[in-house]
Amino acid sequence: MILKDISFPTPQENILYDAALLELAEQGLGGEILRFWESEQPFVVLGRISKAAEDIHVSKVVHDRIPVLRRVSGGGTVLQGKGCLNYTLVLSKERPGIQDLHQSYQQILGAIIAALKALGINTVFHPLSDIALTQGNKKFSGNAQKRSRSFILHHGTLLYRFDLEKMEKYLTVPKNMPPYRKNRSHKEFVANLPSVTADSLKQKIQEIFNVSQEINHLSSIEKKCLADLFSRSNDAIYLNG
């Protein structure tokens, strides 16, 4: 597995690069990847079928000129920004447990939980796709997937130093809540990982996934694929302001 610790200056590039990695893997031009990235600026990401009018406080987002993008995977709407470390996995369906949706979440999030355990942080898996702190049962990680013919794209968030007030400001409370949320507001339900840095998270996660090589630049093929995705992304990306 190759590690790519690559963050782009724009929200669009960060979102579309994940899609490019999956597309290249499906074409036989790439393989299994672990990527880390973090955005310097806040922006909203809608899941593949999420509705902006239902999931965000539109007037506040427009007033503050917060970009709103749509990703290729499912899952709910999230707010990105500094203090939210993102990890992306492109994994072959030939891996044991990856072919099945539920098993894949259990396996991948189990690995993340093990990495956090090594850092002294106790967490719990809430199916289908959440991880929460054991203490207080507060969510710090949401995850989503896009499943293609031979590979899956799995990406997740890890809040470690995020401004949770912004989440309250820009995101509505979802209509469909997991039972463990117990009708809590964003501020009551979501938390940052305690006493941890982005670098320590990256180190433990890449150890868990047995990274064999690190390449922190784009190949010419990746650059071309990213440019192609930009050219046909009008229906997938929405910007306000």
Protein backbone atom coordinates (compact mmCIF):
# COMPACT_ATOMS: atom_id res chain seq x y z
CA MET A 1 0.00 0.00 0.00
CA ILE A 2 1.24 3.48 -0.93
CA LEU A 3 0.90 6.45 1.42
CA LYS A 4 0.04 9.85 -0.05
CA ASP A 5 0.06 12.69 2.47
CA ILE A 6 -1.23 15.32 0.06
CA SER A 7 -3.43 18.31 0.86
CA PHE A 8 -4.43 20.76 -1.87
CA PRO A 9 -5.08 24.50 -1.48
CA THR A 10 -8.66 24.30 -2.75
CA PRO A 11 -11.66 22.27 -1.58
CA GLN A 12 -12.38 21.07 -5.13
CA GLU A 13 -8.94 19.54 -5.55
CA ASN A 14 -9.10 17.79 -2.19
CA ILE A 15 -12.46 16.18 -2.98
CA LEU A 16 -11.76 15.28 -6.61
CA TYR A 17 -8.33 13.77 -5.92
CA ASP A 18 -10.00 11.00 -3.92
CA ALA A 19 -12.23 10.24 -6.89
CA ALA A 20 -9.21 10.30 -9.21
CA LEU A 21 -7.39 7.71 -7.10
CA LEU A 22 -10.36 5.35 -7.31
CA GLU A 23 -10.81 5.90 -11.03
CA LEU A 24 -7.15 5.15 -11.76
CA ALA A 25 -7.24 2.00 -9.63
CA GLU A 26 -10.26 0.78 -11.60
CA GLN A 27 -8.41 1.44 -14.86
CA GLY A 28 -5.43 -0.61 -13.72
CA LEU A 29 -3.29 2.53 -13.50
CA GLY A 30 -3.13 2.67 -9.70
CA GLY A 31 -3.49 0.47 -6.68
CA GLU A 32 -4.18 0.48 -2.98
CA ILE A 33 -3.70 3.88 -1.38
CA LEU A 34 -3.79 5.47 2.06
CA ARG A 35 -4.10 9.24 1.77
CA PHE A 36 -4.16 11.93 4.45
CA TRP A 37 -5.38 15.46 3.87
CA GLU A 38 -6.63 18.50 5.77
CA SER A 39 -8.20 21.72 4.54
CA GLU A 40 -7.02 25.13 5.69
CA GLN A 41 -10.40 26.67 4.86
CA PRO A 42 -13.87 25.59 5.97
CA PHE A 43 -16.20 24.06 3.41
CA VAL A 44 -19.24 21.81 3.38
CA VAL A 45 -19.30 18.41 1.67
CA LEU A 46 -22.62 16.83 0.73
CA GLY A 47 -22.97 13.08 0.39
CA ARG A 48 -23.87 11.69 -3.03
CA ILE A 49 -27.64 12.04 -2.48
CA SER A 50 -27.70 14.66 0.30
CA LYS A 51 -29.84 17.77 -0.13
CA ALA A 52 -28.29 21.13 0.66
CA ALA A 53 -31.62 22.70 1.61
CA GLU A 54 -32.12 20.04 4.29
CA ASP A 55 -28.58 19.67 5.63
CA ILE A 56 -27.15 23.18 5.85
CA HIS A 57 -28.19 26.62 7.11
CA VAL A 58 -28.15 28.02 3.59
CA SER A 59 -28.35 31.72 4.49
CA LYS A 60 -25.37 31.48 6.86
CA VAL A 61 -23.32 29.48 4.40
CA VAL A 62 -23.99 31.97 1.61
CA HIS A 63 -23.36 34.99 3.86
CA ASP A 64 -19.98 33.64 4.97
CA ARG A 65 -19.10 32.46 1.45
CA ILE A 66 -18.54 28.87 2.55
CA PRO A 67 -18.01 26.56 -0.45
CA VAL A 68 -20.43 23.63 -0.73
CA LEU A 69 -19.27 20.58 -2.68
CA ARG A 70 -20.66 17.13 -3.42
CA ARG A 71 -18.53 13.99 -3.12
CA VAL A 72 -18.88 10.74 -5.03
CA SER A 73 -19.58 8.61 -1.94
CA GLY A 74 -22.69 8.23 0.18
CA GLY A 75 -23.00 9.20 3.82
CA GLY A 76 -24.11 12.44 5.43
CA THR A 77 -23.14 16.07 5.07
CA VAL A 78 -19.97 17.16 6.87
CA LEU A 79 -18.08 20.36 7.56
CA GLN A 80 -14.39 20.36 6.67
CA GLY A 81 -11.66 22.66 7.92
CA LYS A 82 -8.56 23.01 10.03
CA GLY A 83 -8.42 20.47 12.86
CA CYS A 84 -10.25 17.79 10.85
CA LEU A 85 -7.82 15.16 9.56
CA ASN A 86 -9.18 13.16 6.65
CA TYR A 87 -8.00 9.70 5.73
CA THR A 88 -8.78 8.04 2.40
CA LEU A 89 -8.38 4.38 1.51
CA VAL A 90 -8.52 2.84 -1.93
CA LEU A 91 -8.76 -0.91 -1.29
CA SER A 92 -9.05 -3.93 -3.54
CA LYS A 93 -12.19 -6.02 -3.18
CA GLU A 94 -9.90 -9.05 -3.22
CA ARG A 95 -8.93 -8.19 0.36
CA PRO A 96 -10.74 -10.40 2.88
CA GLY A 97 -13.85 -8.66 4.19
CA ILE A 98 -13.80 -5.77 1.73
CA GLN A 99 -16.27 -7.27 -0.76
CA ASP A 100 -19.10 -7.05 1.79
CA LEU A 101 -20.25 -3.54 2.79
CA HIS A 102 -20.87 -4.19 6.48
CA GLN A 103 -17.74 -6.29 6.93
CA SER A 104 -15.63 -3.65 5.22
CA TYR A 105 -16.76 -0.93 7.63
CA GLN A 106 -16.17 -3.22 10.58
CA GLN A 107 -12.70 -4.13 9.36
CA ILE A 108 -11.55 -0.63 8.40
CA LEU A 109 -12.96 1.13 11.44
CA GLY A 110 -11.65 -1.66 13.63
CA ALA A 111 -8.18 -0.80 12.35
CA ILE A 112 -8.70 2.90 13.11
CA ILE A 113 -9.90 2.00 16.61
CA ALA A 114 -6.75 -0.11 17.12
CA ALA A 115 -4.56 2.80 16.01
CA LEU A 116 -6.29 5.10 18.50
CA LYS A 117 -5.96 2.47 21.24
CA ALA A 118 -2.20 2.55 20.67
CA LEU A 119 -2.37 6.28 21.39
CA GLY A 120 -4.21 5.65 24.65
CA ILE A 121 -7.63 6.70 23.33
CA ASN A 122 -10.60 4.40 23.99
CA THR A 123 -13.26 4.47 21.31
CA VAL A 124 -16.30 2.51 20.17
CA PHE A 125 -17.66 1.52 16.74
CA HIS A 126 -21.28 2.44 16.01
CA PRO A 127 -22.46 0.68 12.84
CA LEU A 128 -22.72 1.47 10.10
CA SER A 129 -20.01 4.09 9.88
CA ASP A 130 -19.33 6.08 13.08
CA ILE A 131 -16.64 6.01 15.72
CA ALA A 132 -17.21 7.71 19.09
CA LEU A 133 -15.25 8.31 22.25
CA THR A 134 -16.08 5.71 24.88
CA GLN A 135 -16.39 8.46 27.46
CA GLY A 136 -19.57 10.41 26.72
CA ASN A 137 -20.28 8.39 23.56
CA LYS A 138 -19.39 11.45 21.46
CA LYS A 139 -18.75 11.12 17.75
CA PHE A 140 -15.41 12.23 16.29
CA SER A 141 -15.34 10.20 13.07
CA GLY A 142 -17.82 9.81 10.24
CA ASN A 143 -17.11 7.57 7.24
CA ALA A 144 -18.45 6.92 3.76
CA GLN A 145 -17.73 4.71 0.76
CA LYS A 146 -18.04 4.50 -2.99
CA ARG A 147 -17.89 0.91 -4.21
CA SER A 148 -16.76 0.23 -7.76
CA ARG A 149 -16.19 -3.00 -9.69
CA SER A 150 -12.78 -3.99 -8.30
CA PHE A 151 -11.96 -1.37 -5.66
CA ILE A 152 -13.68 0.66 -2.98
CA LEU A 153 -13.06 4.25 -1.96
CA HIS A 154 -13.40 4.69 1.80
CA HIS A 155 -12.93 8.05 3.45
CA GLY A 156 -13.36 9.24 6.99
CA THR A 157 -12.94 12.27 9.21
CA LEU A 158 -10.99 12.44 12.46
CA LEU A 159 -11.72 15.54 14.52
CA TYR A 160 -8.75 16.45 16.71
CA ARG A 161 -8.72 20.24 16.95
CA PHE A 162 -11.81 21.35 15.07
CA ASP A 163 -13.91 24.44 15.81
CA LEU A 164 -17.13 22.68 16.78
CA GLU A 165 -19.02 25.97 16.97
CA LYS A 166 -18.82 26.17 13.17
CA MET A 167 -20.56 22.84 12.86
CA GLU A 168 -23.45 24.18 14.94
CA LYS A 169 -23.52 27.33 12.81
CA TYR A 170 -23.53 25.82 9.33
CA LEU A 171 -25.10 22.35 9.62
CA THR A 172 -28.67 21.51 10.53
CA VAL A 173 -29.46 18.62 12.85
CA PRO A 174 -30.02 15.57 10.60
CA LYS A 175 -33.52 14.10 10.37
CA ASN A 176 -32.26 10.54 10.59
CA MET A 177 -30.20 10.10 13.74
CA PRO A 178 -28.41 6.97 14.95
CA PRO A 179 -29.89 5.72 18.23
CA TYR A 180 -26.75 6.52 20.22
CA ARG A 181 -27.07 10.21 19.35
CA LYS A 182 -30.19 10.46 21.57
CA ASN A 183 -31.39 13.72 19.97
CA ARG A 184 -28.25 15.58 21.00
CA SER A 185 -27.29 18.82 19.24
CA HIS A 186 -24.02 18.99 17.30
CA LYS A 187 -22.31 20.64 20.25
CA GLU A 188 -23.52 17.93 22.65
CA PHE A 189 -22.91 15.02 20.27
CA VAL A 190 -19.58 15.74 18.56
CA ALA A 191 -16.13 16.00 20.15
CA ASN A 192 -12.46 16.32 19.29
CA LEU A 193 -10.03 13.53 20.04
CA PRO A 194 -8.22 14.38 23.28
CA SER A 195 -4.50 15.17 23.51
CA VAL A 196 -3.51 14.03 20.05
CA THR A 197 -1.77 15.60 17.05
CA ALA A 198 -2.31 15.06 13.35
CA ASP A 199 1.20 13.64 13.03
CA SER A 200 0.66 11.04 15.76
CA LEU A 201 -2.64 9.98 14.17
CA LYS A 202 -0.99 9.60 10.77
CA GLN A 203 1.88 7.57 12.16
CA LYS A 204 -0.29 5.02 13.95
CA ILE A 205 -2.77 4.66 11.09
CA GLN A 206 -0.09 4.03 8.50
CA GLU A 207 1.47 1.43 10.80
CA ILE A 208 -1.88 -0.36 11.14
CA PHE A 209 -2.36 -0.47 7.37
CA ASN A 210 1.22 -1.65 6.69
CA VAL A 211 2.23 1.15 4.34
CA SER A 212 5.18 0.07 2.23
CA GLN A 213 5.97 3.27 0.34
CA GLU A 214 5.32 7.02 0.61
CA ILE A 215 4.88 9.16 -2.50
CA ASN A 216 3.87 12.74 -1.75
CA HIS A 217 3.56 14.11 -5.26
CA LEU A 218 1.17 13.63 -8.16
CA SER A 219 2.18 11.49 -11.09
CA SER A 220 1.52 12.75 -14.61
CA ILE A 221 -1.35 10.25 -14.88
CA GLU A 222 -2.90 11.55 -11.64
CA LYS A 223 -2.60 15.14 -12.83
CA LYS A 224 -4.37 14.29 -16.09
CA CYS A 225 -7.14 12.36 -14.32
CA LEU A 226 -7.67 15.21 -11.84
CA ALA A 227 -7.88 17.72 -14.70
CA ASP A 228 -10.39 15.49 -16.51
CA LEU A 229 -12.54 15.26 -13.39
CA PHE A 230 -12.47 19.06 -13.06
CA SER A 231 -13.67 19.43 -16.64
CA ARG A 232 -16.73 17.25 -16.04
CA SER A 233 -17.54 18.18 -12.44
CA ASN A 234 -20.16 20.88 -13.05
CA ASP A 235 -22.95 18.66 -11.76
CA ALA A 236 -20.98 17.51 -8.72
CA ILE A 237 -19.65 20.75 -7.23
CA TYR A 238 -21.59 23.71 -5.90
CA LEU A 239 -20.04 26.95 -4.69
CA ASN A 240 -21.75 29.81 -2.88
CA GLY A 241 -20.63 33.37 -3.16
